[in-house]
């Protein structure tokens, strides 16, 4: 199975980010442009939160707020769990399952952003790894 570092290096799309002072409407536009369900919220180079579709649904729509008038910092999740590139995919899966979130920032040892993974990334890698194992076992059995 690939390491988290290898998986991140295989992601070829740029990291989608917003600032805490951006409007929620702008954040939604960035999410749509990048076809992602969550954005890292950076103040300069510093990770200060995550903004997700869930934040929008629960904190804007259900409260009757306006996405054009509300700032990202007002509704983002500011208590952010993260992992380092040395974390295993199983550790990431366990953390995401336990905490019930679908996106996980990856920070280097110096707290710089290494990337972000989704539960979909982990599932895709798990399926790929299992398929490889099945193929190897079939070859072994066929002899």
Foldseek 3Di string as FASTA:
>chain_A
DDFLLVLLVPDDDDAQEEEQQAFLVVSVVSCVVRVHFKHFYDDVQAGQFMDGPVLCVPPDVVVVHDSRPHGNNVRTGRPADAEESRDGLVVVLVVCVVVVDFKHWYAHPVRGGSHMHGVVSSVVVVVVVVVVVVVVVVVVVVD
